[in-house]
Each structure stands twice: as C-alpha cells, then as structure tokens.
Amino acid sequence: MEKIKLKEQTMEFKLNGTTINYEGDPELSLMTYLRDVEDIISPKDGCAPEGVCGCCSVLLDGNVLKACIAPMRRIAGKEVITMEGLDPGKKETVINAFAIEGGLQCGFCTPGIIMKVWPLLNQGFVTEKEINKALNSNLCRCTGYKKVTKSCLSAAEALRNNAKIELPQSSGKVGESLPKYDSLRLATGEAPYVADLKFEGMVHGAMKFSDHPRAKVLKINTSVAEKLDGVLRVFTAEDIPGERHTGLIVPDWPLMVKRGETTRYVGDVLAGVVAETEQIAREAVALIEV
C-alpha cells in the first residue's frame, strides 16, 4: 500500500540563540516542535490547540506568543526564546521571587506565566494593574493569582534595582519558613509531568469522535487514514474481540460504536489511530470518513 506523506517546507529561524534549519510540516505547531523535536518541556500543553490557557507561552522576536496555535511557517526568519533562553541572572531572580512569595503550587502553569510577564518585568517600573491585565489570558487553577501578582511585583522591583533575590537559608527546624519543595524546578518547567515523559518505542494514539449526538453510523471508512506515512494501526469496534460495553449498573454503554449502531452523544468513539507521533495520529483521524 502506497503511503501518503505530510507536506514539508524548509525554513530557518533562531531558537534560544542557536540557528535552526527546519525541514518539515509548516503547519506543525511550534509547541509540538519544541516539545517533541527539541525536547524542551518548559512550554506545557494545557489546552492545545485551543490557545486559551497560556501554559505554552514563549517569546517570538520579543513578543509573547502562545506556541500551541503558532504554525511553524509563522516562525521562519524569526527568533524564539523559551524559558531556557532567558538571561540566567534575571531568571534566577524571578523564579526565586515566585518560590519565596508562594507564587506557585502545582507549578504546571508557572513557566507560561513567567514568560508572559517577562517583557513587563524588564521594562522598569510596573504596576499591579499592568500585571493583572497581562495575566488575563493565563489560567491558574491553584493560586488565586494574589501570590502570583505579589511574586511579579517583588521580581520587578529587584530587577529594576539590579538586586538579587536570595532563597532563605534554613536548618529545616520546626517553625522556620521554607520555600515550596522543588519550587525552582517547577518554576522553570524542568519538573516533568505525565505529558513530558518519553520512553523508547513509545507510540501515540488519537480517537475519532462522533460529531452528532444521535445518529446511526452507516459507514466508517479508514482506508485513506491507513495510507498516511507513520500510521501503525487504525482500529474500530469491529477489531475489539471481547466485551466493549460498560456502565455503573447495567453495562449498556459501548466504548466504541459499531457500524450500524446509533451514537448517544457528541464524543462517542468511532475509531482510533496508533501512529509514530501525535501529529500523525491526529492527521490520520481527520482522514477517517464517517
């Protein structure tokens, strides 16, 4: 079977000061490139490809950019800066401020928050109102933002006065104040979460969902998807040899809907793809005809 290849484009850009020659899909998101190709995990995948949470924020020619909605073709000839490419001294001051002021909890959103306010913190005097406005598009489910704003103000003052923020020395005795455990690795994005883990031989999956809440499935055509280069397997309910129904009381809910059956909600699973990369898996799902 002849394979279908994704379109490719050659371009050049800078990443954290290093010139990169890219030859690949121009529609690949910058976030996916950074995480999957360059192994830079500080831009976190919180909502891709929605572009609403700000966890993947980077700098593009000095301006804040949500990497999950930026295709690689937009990066040609420009410079991308991630957390790893920031000035080390200034970065230490900012992450120490977040550690001391309690500006992070789970830490998942923190690298994106720091990247979002980085231009603001380096402009000199900054107000609380300016910080809050800048963080309108960065979601944090833990802190309530008060400590985040306080951390930003503390960092901005230190940077403005060319001062350092040092972590407090402690013996660890009861009653002494300590920064949050692992707060520095969390703030820089170095601490890995589940989506940051990679294993040898790891493959990726994506699902084809029903677009209709209540409809009879007449056909599921996977032939084109199977031809896409990098696709390892496409499967449907027909490929499940065992029981495929579940339910809290009565097992009457199919995990995958068969051809000839009726969907129950938008999101019922009709087919699945296993591929070498997440991008290929999602491209293949888009080629499945229902």
C-alpha atoms as a PDB file:
ATOM      1  CA  MET A   1       0.000   0.000   0.000  1.00  0.00           C
ATOM      2  CA  GLU A   2       1.455   3.358  -1.094  1.00  0.00           C
ATOM      3  CA  LYS A   3       1.889   5.737   1.833  1.00  0.00           C
ATOM      4  CA  ILE A   4       0.748   9.386   1.881  1.00  0.00           C
ATOM      5  CA  LYS A   5       3.391  11.807   3.208  1.00  0.00           C
ATOM      6  CA  LEU A   6       2.739  15.076   5.020  1.00  0.00           C
ATOM      7  CA  LYS A   7       3.823  18.201   3.142  1.00  0.00           C
ATOM      8  CA  GLU A   8       7.200  19.652   4.099  1.00  0.00           C
ATOM      9  CA  GLN A   9       8.803  23.098   3.987  1.00  0.00           C
ATOM     10  CA  THR A  10      12.380  24.259   4.583  1.00  0.00           C
ATOM     11  CA  MET A  11      12.979  27.311   6.748  1.00  0.00           C
ATOM     12  CA  GLU A  12      15.493  28.877   9.107  1.00  0.00           C
ATOM     13  CA  PHE A  13      14.935  30.518  12.487  1.00  0.00           C
ATOM     14  CA  LYS A  14      16.712  31.053  15.790  1.00  0.00           C
ATOM     15  CA  LEU A  15      15.924  29.149  18.975  1.00  0.00           C
ATOM     16  CA  ASN A  16      17.457  30.456  22.192  1.00  0.00           C
ATOM     17  CA  GLY A  17      20.332  31.968  20.194  1.00  0.00           C
ATOM     18  CA  THR A  18      21.014  28.919  18.003  1.00  0.00           C
ATOM     19  CA  THR A  19      20.227  28.903  14.278  1.00  0.00           C
ATOM     20  CA  ILE A  20      17.834  26.090  13.367  1.00  0.00           C
ATOM     21  CA  ASN A  21      17.332  24.700   9.869  1.00  0.00           C
ATOM     22  CA  TYR A  22      13.870  23.193   9.856  1.00  0.00           C
ATOM     23  CA  GLU A  23      12.570  20.851   7.201  1.00  0.00           C
ATOM     24  CA  GLY A  24       9.125  19.576   7.979  1.00  0.00           C
ATOM     25  CA  ASP A  25       5.413  20.245   8.123  1.00  0.00           C
ATOM     26  CA  PRO A  26       4.799  24.022   8.008  1.00  0.00           C
ATOM     27  CA  GLU A  27       1.506  23.510   9.866  1.00  0.00           C
ATOM     28  CA  LEU A  28       3.139  21.724  12.817  1.00  0.00           C
ATOM     29  CA  SER A  29       2.619  23.800  15.952  1.00  0.00           C
ATOM     30  CA  LEU A  30       5.654  25.463  17.491  1.00  0.00           C
ATOM     31  CA  MET A  31       4.750  23.862  20.837  1.00  0.00           C
ATOM     32  CA  THR A  32       4.833  20.381  19.331  1.00  0.00           C
ATOM     33  CA  TYR A  33       8.168  21.123  17.661  1.00  0.00           C
ATOM     34  CA  LEU A  34       9.730  22.423  20.877  1.00  0.00           C
ATOM     35  CA  ARG A  35       8.499  19.539  22.998  1.00  0.00           C
ATOM     36  CA  ASP A  36       8.782  16.597  20.591  1.00  0.00           C
ATOM     37  CA  VAL A  37      11.781  17.572  18.455  1.00  0.00           C
ATOM     38  CA  GLU A  38      13.914  19.791  20.706  1.00  0.00           C
ATOM     39  CA  ASP A  39      12.886  18.090  23.991  1.00  0.00           C
ATOM     40  CA  ILE A  40      12.166  21.495  25.531  1.00  0.00           C
ATOM     41  CA  ILE A  41       9.389  20.809  28.033  1.00  0.00           C
ATOM     42  CA  SER A  42       9.025  24.222  29.694  1.00  0.00           C
ATOM     43  CA  PRO A  43       6.159  25.151  27.310  1.00  0.00           C
ATOM     44  CA  LYS A  44       3.418  22.977  28.798  1.00  0.00           C
ATOM     45  CA  ASP A  45       0.480  21.536  26.872  1.00  0.00           C
ATOM     46  CA  GLY A  46      -2.528  22.689  28.838  1.00  0.00           C
ATOM     47  CA  CYS A  47      -5.185  23.102  26.150  1.00  0.00           C
ATOM     48  CA  ALA A  48      -3.667  22.577  22.678  1.00  0.00           C
ATOM     49  CA  PRO A  49      -4.814  23.526  20.136  1.00  0.00           C
ATOM     50  CA  GLU A  50      -7.276  25.907  21.811  1.00  0.00           C
ATOM     51  CA  GLY A  51      -4.781  28.629  22.796  1.00  0.00           C
ATOM     52  CA  VAL A  52      -6.680  29.688  25.913  1.00  0.00           C
ATOM     53  CA  CYS A  53      -4.549  28.723  28.948  1.00  0.00           C
ATOM     54  CA  GLY A  54      -1.171  30.370  28.263  1.00  0.00           C
ATOM     55  CA  CYS A  55       0.876  27.436  29.602  1.00  0.00           C
ATOM     56  CA  CYS A  56       2.853  27.204  26.350  1.00  0.00           C
ATOM     57  CA  SER A  57       3.831  30.888  26.175  1.00  0.00           C
ATOM     58  CA  VAL A  58       7.187  31.733  24.570  1.00  0.00           C
ATOM     59  CA  LEU A  59       8.760  34.864  23.101  1.00  0.00           C
ATOM     60  CA  LEU A  60       8.792  35.449  19.348  1.00  0.00           C
ATOM     61  CA  ASP A  61      11.020  38.389  18.440  1.00  0.00           C
ATOM     62  CA  GLY A  62      10.455  39.671  21.971  1.00  0.00           C
ATOM     63  CA  ASN A  63       6.669  39.402  21.918  1.00  0.00           C
ATOM     64  CA  VAL A  64       4.661  36.827  23.882  1.00  0.00           C
ATOM     65  CA  LEU A  65       3.256  34.016  21.736  1.00  0.00           C
ATOM     66  CA  LYS A  66       1.089  31.003  22.531  1.00  0.00           C
ATOM     67  CA  ALA A  67       3.124  28.247  20.917  1.00  0.00           C
ATOM     68  CA  CYS A  68       0.265  25.742  20.609  1.00  0.00           C
ATOM     69  CA  ILE A  69      -1.544  27.851  17.994  1.00  0.00           C
ATOM     70  CA  ALA A  70       1.521  29.093  16.114  1.00  0.00           C
ATOM     71  CA  PRO A  71       2.349  27.015  12.996  1.00  0.00           C
ATOM     72  CA  MET A  72       5.997  26.595  12.099  1.00  0.00           C
ATOM     73  CA  ARG A  73       5.552  28.640   8.903  1.00  0.00           C
ATOM     74  CA  ARG A  74       4.986  31.675  11.130  1.00  0.00           C
ATOM     75  CA  ILE A  75       8.401  31.204  12.771  1.00  0.00           C
ATOM     76  CA  ALA A  76      10.509  31.436   9.578  1.00  0.00           C
ATOM     77  CA  GLY A  77      13.253  34.040   9.866  1.00  0.00           C
ATOM     78  CA  LYS A  78      12.389  34.937  13.459  1.00  0.00           C
ATOM     79  CA  GLU A  79      13.791  34.225  16.928  1.00  0.00           C
ATOM     80  CA  VAL A  80      12.091  32.060  19.527  1.00  0.00           C
ATOM     81  CA  ILE A  81      13.023  32.319  23.204  1.00  0.00           C
ATOM     82  CA  THR A  82      11.823  29.775  25.747  1.00  0.00           C
ATOM     83  CA  MET A  83      12.443  29.661  29.491  1.00  0.00           C
ATOM     84  CA  GLU A  84      15.793  28.005  28.738  1.00  0.00           C
ATOM     85  CA  GLY A  85      16.968  31.012  26.711  1.00  0.00           C
ATOM     86  CA  LEU A  86      16.253  33.759  29.257  1.00  0.00           C
ATOM     87  CA  ASP A  87      19.055  35.713  30.900  1.00  0.00           C
ATOM     88  CA  PRO A  88      20.251  33.314  33.676  1.00  0.00           C
ATOM     89  CA  GLY A  89      20.750  36.004  36.326  1.00  0.00           C
ATOM     90  CA  LYS A  90      17.403  37.663  35.763  1.00  0.00           C
ATOM     91  CA  LYS A  91      15.656  34.303  35.541  1.00  0.00           C
ATOM     92  CA  GLU A  92      17.100  33.267  38.905  1.00  0.00           C
ATOM     93  CA  THR A  93      15.758  36.463  40.458  1.00  0.00           C
ATOM     94  CA  VAL A  94      12.264  35.860  39.069  1.00  0.00           C
ATOM     95  CA  ILE A  95      11.980  32.185  39.999  1.00  0.00           C
ATOM     96  CA  ASN A  96      13.329  32.899  43.484  1.00  0.00           C
ATOM     97  CA  ALA A  97      10.633  35.554  43.883  1.00  0.00           C
ATOM     98  CA  PHE A  98       7.975  33.001  42.936  1.00  0.00           C
ATOM     99  CA  ALA A  99       9.451  30.464  45.371  1.00  0.00           C
ATOM    100  CA  ILE A 100       9.629  32.892  48.300  1.00  0.00           C
ATOM    101  CA  GLU A 101       6.284  34.625  47.758  1.00  0.00           C
ATOM    102  CA  GLY A 102       4.392  31.385  47.131  1.00  0.00           C
ATOM    103  CA  GLY A 103       3.576  32.250  43.538  1.00  0.00           C
ATOM    104  CA  LEU A 104       3.229  28.620  42.503  1.00  0.00           C
ATOM    105  CA  GLN A 105       1.581  25.469  43.773  1.00  0.00           C
ATOM    106  CA  CYS A 106       1.339  22.599  41.282  1.00  0.00           C
ATOM    107  CA  GLY A 107       3.630  24.648  39.019  1.00  0.00           C
ATOM    108  CA  PHE A 108       2.177  23.486  35.706  1.00  0.00           C
ATOM    109  CA  CYS A 109       1.184  26.990  34.580  1.00  0.00           C
ATOM    110  CA  THR A 110       4.139  28.842  36.150  1.00  0.00           C
ATOM    111  CA  PRO A 111       6.641  28.743  33.230  1.00  0.00           C
ATOM    112  CA  GLY A 112       3.951  30.173  30.939  1.00  0.00           C
ATOM    113  CA  ILE A 113       3.110  32.875  33.474  1.00  0.00           C
ATOM    114  CA  ILE A 114       6.757  33.895  33.814  1.00  0.00           C
ATOM    115  CA  MET A 115       7.163  34.036  30.022  1.00  0.00           C
ATOM    116  CA  LYS A 116       4.008  36.160  29.752  1.00  0.00           C
ATOM    117  CA  VAL A 117       5.177  38.778  32.264  1.00  0.00           C
ATOM    118  CA  TRP A 118       8.877  38.651  31.286  1.00  0.00           C
ATOM    119  CA  PRO A 119       8.769  41.687  28.931  1.00  0.00           C
ATOM    120  CA  LEU A 120       6.782  43.584  31.562  1.00  0.00           C
ATOM    121  CA  LEU A 121       9.179  42.768  34.395  1.00  0.00           C
ATOM    122  CA  ASN A 122      12.118  44.031  32.345  1.00  0.00           C
ATOM    123  CA  GLN A 123      10.611  47.367  31.321  1.00  0.00           C
ATOM    124  CA  GLY A 124      11.339  49.036  34.664  1.00  0.00           C
ATOM    125  CA  PHE A 125       8.502  50.210  36.893  1.00  0.00           C
ATOM    126  CA  VAL A 126       5.389  48.038  36.662  1.00  0.00           C
ATOM    127  CA  THR A 127       2.069  48.279  38.462  1.00  0.00           C
ATOM    128  CA  GLU A 128      -0.184  45.600  39.912  1.00  0.00           C
ATOM    129  CA  LYS A 129      -2.853  46.570  37.388  1.00  0.00           C
ATOM    130  CA  GLU A 130      -0.470  46.004  34.477  1.00  0.00           C
ATOM    131  CA  ILE A 131       0.486  42.576  35.782  1.00  0.00           C
ATOM    132  CA  ASN A 132      -3.126  41.530  36.292  1.00  0.00           C
ATOM    133  CA  LYS A 133      -4.018  42.694  32.792  1.00  0.00           C
ATOM    134  CA  ALA A 134      -1.084  40.784  31.294  1.00  0.00           C
ATOM    135  CA  LEU A 135      -2.212  37.598  33.049  1.00  0.00           C
ATOM    136  CA  ASN A 136      -5.784  37.795  31.723  1.00  0.00           C
ATOM    137  CA  SER A 137      -5.015  35.039  29.232  1.00  0.00           C
ATOM    138  CA  ASN A 138      -3.025  32.802  31.589  1.00  0.00           C
ATOM    139  CA  LEU A 139      -5.079  30.329  33.589  1.00  0.00           C
ATOM    140  CA  CYS A 140      -4.046  29.154  37.057  1.00  0.00           C
ATOM    141  CA  ARG A 141      -6.302  26.758  38.946  1.00  0.00           C
ATOM    142  CA  CYS A 142      -4.298  26.755  42.198  1.00  0.00           C
ATOM    143  CA  THR A 143      -3.127  30.121  43.447  1.00  0.00           C
ATOM    144  CA  GLY A 144      -5.978  32.574  43.007  1.00  0.00           C
ATOM    145  CA  TYR A 145      -3.409  34.904  41.375  1.00  0.00           C
ATOM    146  CA  LYS A 146      -2.772  37.012  44.503  1.00  0.00           C
ATOM    147  CA  LYS A 147       0.557  35.326  45.233  1.00  0.00           C
ATOM    148  CA  VAL A 148       1.428  35.336  41.535  1.00  0.00           C
ATOM    149  CA  THR A 149       0.956  39.098  41.349  1.00  0.00           C
ATOM    150  CA  LYS A 150       2.969  39.562  44.547  1.00  0.00           C
ATOM    151  CA  SER A 151       5.789  37.438  43.107  1.00  0.00           C
ATOM    152  CA  CYS A 152       5.820  39.506  39.918  1.00  0.00           C
ATOM    153  CA  LEU A 153       5.940  42.803  41.828  1.00  0.00           C
ATOM    154  CA  SER A 154       8.789  41.523  44.004  1.00  0.00           C
ATOM    155  CA  ALA A 155      10.746  40.358  40.954  1.00  0.00           C
ATOM    156  CA  ALA A 156      10.128  43.597  39.061  1.00  0.00           C
ATOM    157  CA  GLU A 157      11.425  45.696  41.970  1.00  0.00           C
ATOM    158  CA  ALA A 158      14.570  43.574  42.263  1.00  0.00           C
ATOM    159  CA  LEU A 159      15.264  43.734  38.518  1.00  0.00           C
ATOM    160  CA  ARG A 160      14.674  47.495  38.470  1.00  0.00           C
ATOM    161  CA  ASN A 161      17.244  47.986  41.247  1.00  0.00           C
ATOM    162  CA  ASN A 162      19.704  45.401  39.860  1.00  0.00           C
ATOM    163  CA  ALA A 163      19.252  43.469  43.090  1.00  0.00           C
ATOM    164  CA  LYS A 164      19.194  39.739  43.644  1.00  0.00           C
ATOM    165  CA  ILE A 165      16.536  37.772  45.482  1.00  0.00           C
ATOM    166  CA  GLU A 166      18.191  35.054  47.512  1.00  0.00           C
ATOM    167  CA  LEU A 167      16.444  31.995  48.858  1.00  0.00           C
ATOM    168  CA  PRO A 168      16.379  31.972  52.676  1.00  0.00           C
ATOM    169  CA  GLN A 169      18.843  29.703  54.428  1.00  0.00           C
ATOM    170  CA  SER A 170      17.212  27.291  56.819  1.00  0.00           C
ATOM    171  CA  SER A 171      18.177  24.373  59.007  1.00  0.00           C
ATOM    172  CA  GLY A 172      14.792  22.777  58.396  1.00  0.00           C
ATOM    173  CA  LYS A 173      13.715  23.057  62.025  1.00  0.00           C
ATOM    174  CA  VAL A 174      10.062  23.337  63.004  1.00  0.00           C
ATOM    175  CA  GLY A 175       8.817  26.910  62.789  1.00  0.00           C
ATOM    176  CA  GLU A 176      11.233  28.078  60.103  1.00  0.00           C
ATOM    177  CA  SER A 177       9.919  29.360  56.800  1.00  0.00           C
ATOM    178  CA  LEU A 178      10.862  27.310  53.757  1.00  0.00           C
ATOM    179  CA  PRO A 179      10.133  27.799  50.051  1.00  0.00           C
ATOM    180  CA  LYS A 180       7.876  25.197  48.479  1.00  0.00           C
ATOM    181  CA  TYR A 181       9.649  21.900  47.803  1.00  0.00           C
ATOM    182  CA  ASP A 182      11.018  21.701  44.253  1.00  0.00           C
ATOM    183  CA  SER A 183       9.673  25.179  43.522  1.00  0.00           C
ATOM    184  CA  LEU A 184      12.669  26.178  41.390  1.00  0.00           C
ATOM    185  CA  ARG A 185      12.332  23.190  39.038  1.00  0.00           C
ATOM    186  CA  LEU A 186       8.587  23.770  38.853  1.00  0.00           C
ATOM    187  CA  ALA A 187       9.018  27.448  38.017  1.00  0.00           C
ATOM    188  CA  THR A 188      11.488  26.779  35.208  1.00  0.00           C
ATOM    189  CA  GLY A 189       9.446  23.941  33.740  1.00  0.00           C
ATOM    190  CA  GLU A 190      12.162  21.356  34.366  1.00  0.00           C
ATOM    191  CA  ALA A 191       9.974  19.220  36.629  1.00  0.00           C
ATOM    192  CA  PRO A 192       8.294  16.627  34.384  1.00  0.00           C
ATOM    193  CA  TYR A 193       4.570  15.949  34.288  1.00  0.00           C
ATOM    194  CA  VAL A 194       2.933  12.930  32.623  1.00  0.00           C
ATOM    195  CA  ALA A 195       2.849  14.560  29.179  1.00  0.00           C
ATOM    196  CA  ASP A 196       6.581  15.334  29.484  1.00  0.00           C
ATOM    197  CA  LEU A 197       7.597  11.679  29.822  1.00  0.00           C
ATOM    198  CA  LYS A 198       9.068   9.796  26.881  1.00  0.00           C
ATOM    199  CA  PHE A 199      10.009   6.142  26.501  1.00  0.00           C
ATOM    200  CA  GLU A 200      11.861   4.173  23.870  1.00  0.00           C
ATOM    201  CA  GLY A 201       9.437   2.735  21.341  1.00  0.00           C
ATOM    202  CA  MET A 202       6.576   4.934  22.555  1.00  0.00           C
ATOM    203  CA  VAL A 203       3.716   5.417  20.086  1.00  0.00           C
ATOM    204  CA  HIS A 204       0.807   7.837  20.107  1.00  0.00           C
ATOM    205  CA  GLY A 205      -2.934   7.447  19.817  1.00  0.00           C
ATOM    206  CA  ALA A 206      -5.867   9.621  18.785  1.00  0.00           C
ATOM    207  CA  MET A 207      -9.597   8.974  18.593  1.00  0.00           C
ATOM    208  CA  LYS A 208     -12.243   9.731  16.001  1.00  0.00           C
ATOM    209  CA  PHE A 209     -15.314  11.060  17.811  1.00  0.00           C
ATOM    210  CA  SER A 210     -18.921  11.369  16.701  1.00  0.00           C
ATOM    211  CA  ASP A 211     -19.932  14.845  15.574  1.00  0.00           C
ATOM    212  CA  HIS A 212     -23.601  14.084  16.210  1.00  0.00           C
ATOM    213  CA  PRO A 213     -25.433  13.421  19.489  1.00  0.00           C
ATOM    214  CA  ARG A 214     -27.889  10.950  17.994  1.00  0.00           C
ATOM    215  CA  ALA A 215     -27.187   9.387  14.617  1.00  0.00           C
ATOM    216  CA  LYS A 216     -26.973   5.944  13.028  1.00  0.00           C
ATOM    217  CA  VAL A 217     -23.447   5.110  11.866  1.00  0.00           C
ATOM    218  CA  LEU A 218     -23.766   3.958   8.261  1.00  0.00           C
ATOM    219  CA  LYS A 219     -20.089   3.827   7.296  1.00  0.00           C
ATOM    220  CA  ILE A 220     -16.610   4.175   8.841  1.00  0.00           C
ATOM    221  CA  ASN A 221     -14.008   4.422   6.066  1.00  0.00           C
ATOM    222  CA  THR A 222     -10.423   4.218   7.389  1.00  0.00           C
ATOM    223  CA  SER A 223      -8.664   3.366   4.107  1.00  0.00           C
ATOM    224  CA  VAL A 224      -7.152   6.813   3.475  1.00  0.00           C
ATOM    225  CA  ALA A 225      -6.009   7.177   7.090  1.00  0.00           C
ATOM    226  CA  GLU A 226      -4.238   3.816   6.894  1.00  0.00           C
ATOM    227  CA  LYS A 227      -2.149   5.080   3.963  1.00  0.00           C
ATOM    228  CA  LEU A 228      -0.694   8.044   5.870  1.00  0.00           C
ATOM    229  CA  ASP A 229       3.033   7.591   6.441  1.00  0.00           C
ATOM    230  CA  GLY A 230       3.743   6.908  10.112  1.00  0.00           C
ATOM    231  CA  VAL A 231       0.370   5.324  10.886  1.00  0.00           C
ATOM    232  CA  LEU A 232       0.845   1.950  12.571  1.00  0.00           C
ATOM    233  CA  ARG A 233      -2.762   0.845  13.019  1.00  0.00           C
ATOM    234  CA  VAL A 234      -6.300   2.094  12.592  1.00  0.00           C
ATOM    235  CA  PHE A 235      -8.998   0.250  14.516  1.00  0.00           C
ATOM    236  CA  THR A 236     -12.753   0.328  15.036  1.00  0.00           C
ATOM    237  CA  ALA A 237     -15.240  -1.506  17.241  1.00  0.00           C
ATOM    238  CA  GLU A 238     -15.051  -4.401  14.772  1.00  0.00           C
ATOM    239  CA  ASP A 239     -11.483  -5.045  15.986  1.00  0.00           C
ATOM    240  CA  ILE A 240     -12.444  -5.499  19.652  1.00  0.00           C
ATOM    241  CA  PRO A 241     -12.595  -9.257  20.336  1.00  0.00           C
ATOM    242  CA  GLY A 242     -14.051  -9.003  23.819  1.00  0.00           C
ATOM    243  CA  GLU A 243     -16.800  -7.147  25.662  1.00  0.00           C
ATOM    244  CA  ARG A 244     -16.935  -3.464  24.703  1.00  0.00           C
ATOM    245  CA  HIS A 245     -19.851  -2.297  26.868  1.00  0.00           C
ATOM    246  CA  THR A 246     -19.573  -0.622  30.252  1.00  0.00           C
ATOM    247  CA  GLY A 247     -21.880   1.011  32.815  1.00  0.00           C
ATOM    248  CA  LEU A 248     -22.172   1.636  36.552  1.00  0.00           C
ATOM    249  CA  ILE A 249     -25.249  -0.562  36.971  1.00  0.00           C
ATOM    250  CA  VAL A 250     -26.043  -2.053  33.577  1.00  0.00           C
ATOM    251  CA  PRO A 251     -23.220  -2.423  31.015  1.00  0.00           C
ATOM    252  CA  ASP A 252     -25.143  -0.776  28.180  1.00  0.00           C
ATOM    253  CA  TRP A 253     -22.697   1.906  27.034  1.00  0.00           C
ATOM    254  CA  PRO A 254     -20.353   0.873  24.174  1.00  0.00           C
ATOM    255  CA  LEU A 255     -16.754   2.052  24.498  1.00  0.00           C
ATOM    256  CA  MET A 256     -16.688   2.227  20.697  1.00  0.00           C
ATOM    257  CA  VAL A 257     -19.739   2.473  18.429  1.00  0.00           C
ATOM    258  CA  LYS A 258     -20.030  -0.076  15.614  1.00  0.00           C
ATOM    259  CA  ARG A 259     -21.185   0.495  12.080  1.00  0.00           C
ATOM    260  CA  GLY A 260     -24.971   0.071  12.127  1.00  0.00           C
ATOM    261  CA  GLU A 261     -25.339   1.273  15.724  1.00  0.00           C
ATOM    262  CA  THR A 262     -26.617   4.643  16.988  1.00  0.00           C
ATOM    263  CA  THR A 263     -24.472   7.225  18.790  1.00  0.00           C
ATOM    264  CA  ARG A 264     -25.564   8.518  22.196  1.00  0.00           C
ATOM    265  CA  TYR A 265     -23.690  11.820  22.443  1.00  0.00           C
ATOM    266  CA  VAL A 266     -21.186  14.062  20.692  1.00  0.00           C
ATOM    267  CA  GLY A 267     -17.907  12.397  21.565  1.00  0.00           C
ATOM    268  CA  ASP A 268     -18.808   8.728  21.188  1.00  0.00           C
ATOM    269  CA  VAL A 269     -15.679   6.943  19.933  1.00  0.00           C
ATOM    270  CA  LEU A 270     -15.977   5.612  16.375  1.00  0.00           C
ATOM    271  CA  ALA A 271     -12.353   4.764  15.545  1.00  0.00           C
ATOM    272  CA  GLY A 272      -8.815   5.001  16.878  1.00  0.00           C
ATOM    273  CA  VAL A 273      -5.384   5.576  15.340  1.00  0.00           C
ATOM    274  CA  VAL A 274      -1.968   4.451  16.569  1.00  0.00           C
ATOM    275  CA  ALA A 275       0.942   6.335  14.975  1.00  0.00           C
ATOM    276  CA  GLU A 276       4.596   7.230  15.399  1.00  0.00           C
ATOM    277  CA  THR A 277       3.784  10.791  16.521  1.00  0.00           C
ATOM    278  CA  GLU A 278       0.781  12.590  17.969  1.00  0.00           C
ATOM    279  CA  GLN A 279       0.660  14.887  14.955  1.00  0.00           C
ATOM    280  CA  ILE A 280       0.447  11.965  12.523  1.00  0.00           C
ATOM    281  CA  ALA A 281      -2.221  10.308  14.673  1.00  0.00           C
ATOM    282  CA  ARG A 282      -4.379  13.433  14.612  1.00  0.00           C
ATOM    283  CA  GLU A 283      -3.798  13.950  10.884  1.00  0.00           C
ATOM    284  CA  ALA A 284      -4.955  10.369  10.306  1.00  0.00           C
ATOM    285  CA  VAL A 285      -8.077  10.845  12.427  1.00  0.00           C
ATOM    286  CA  ALA A 286      -9.020  13.801  10.225  1.00  0.00           C
ATOM    287  CA  LEU A 287      -8.853  11.471   7.194  1.00  0.00           C
ATOM    288  CA  ILE A 288     -11.362   8.972   8.598  1.00  0.00           C
ATOM    289  CA  GLU A 289     -14.677   9.280   6.795  1.00  0.00           C
ATOM    290  CA  VAL A 290     -17.876   8.623   8.764  1.00  0.00           C
END
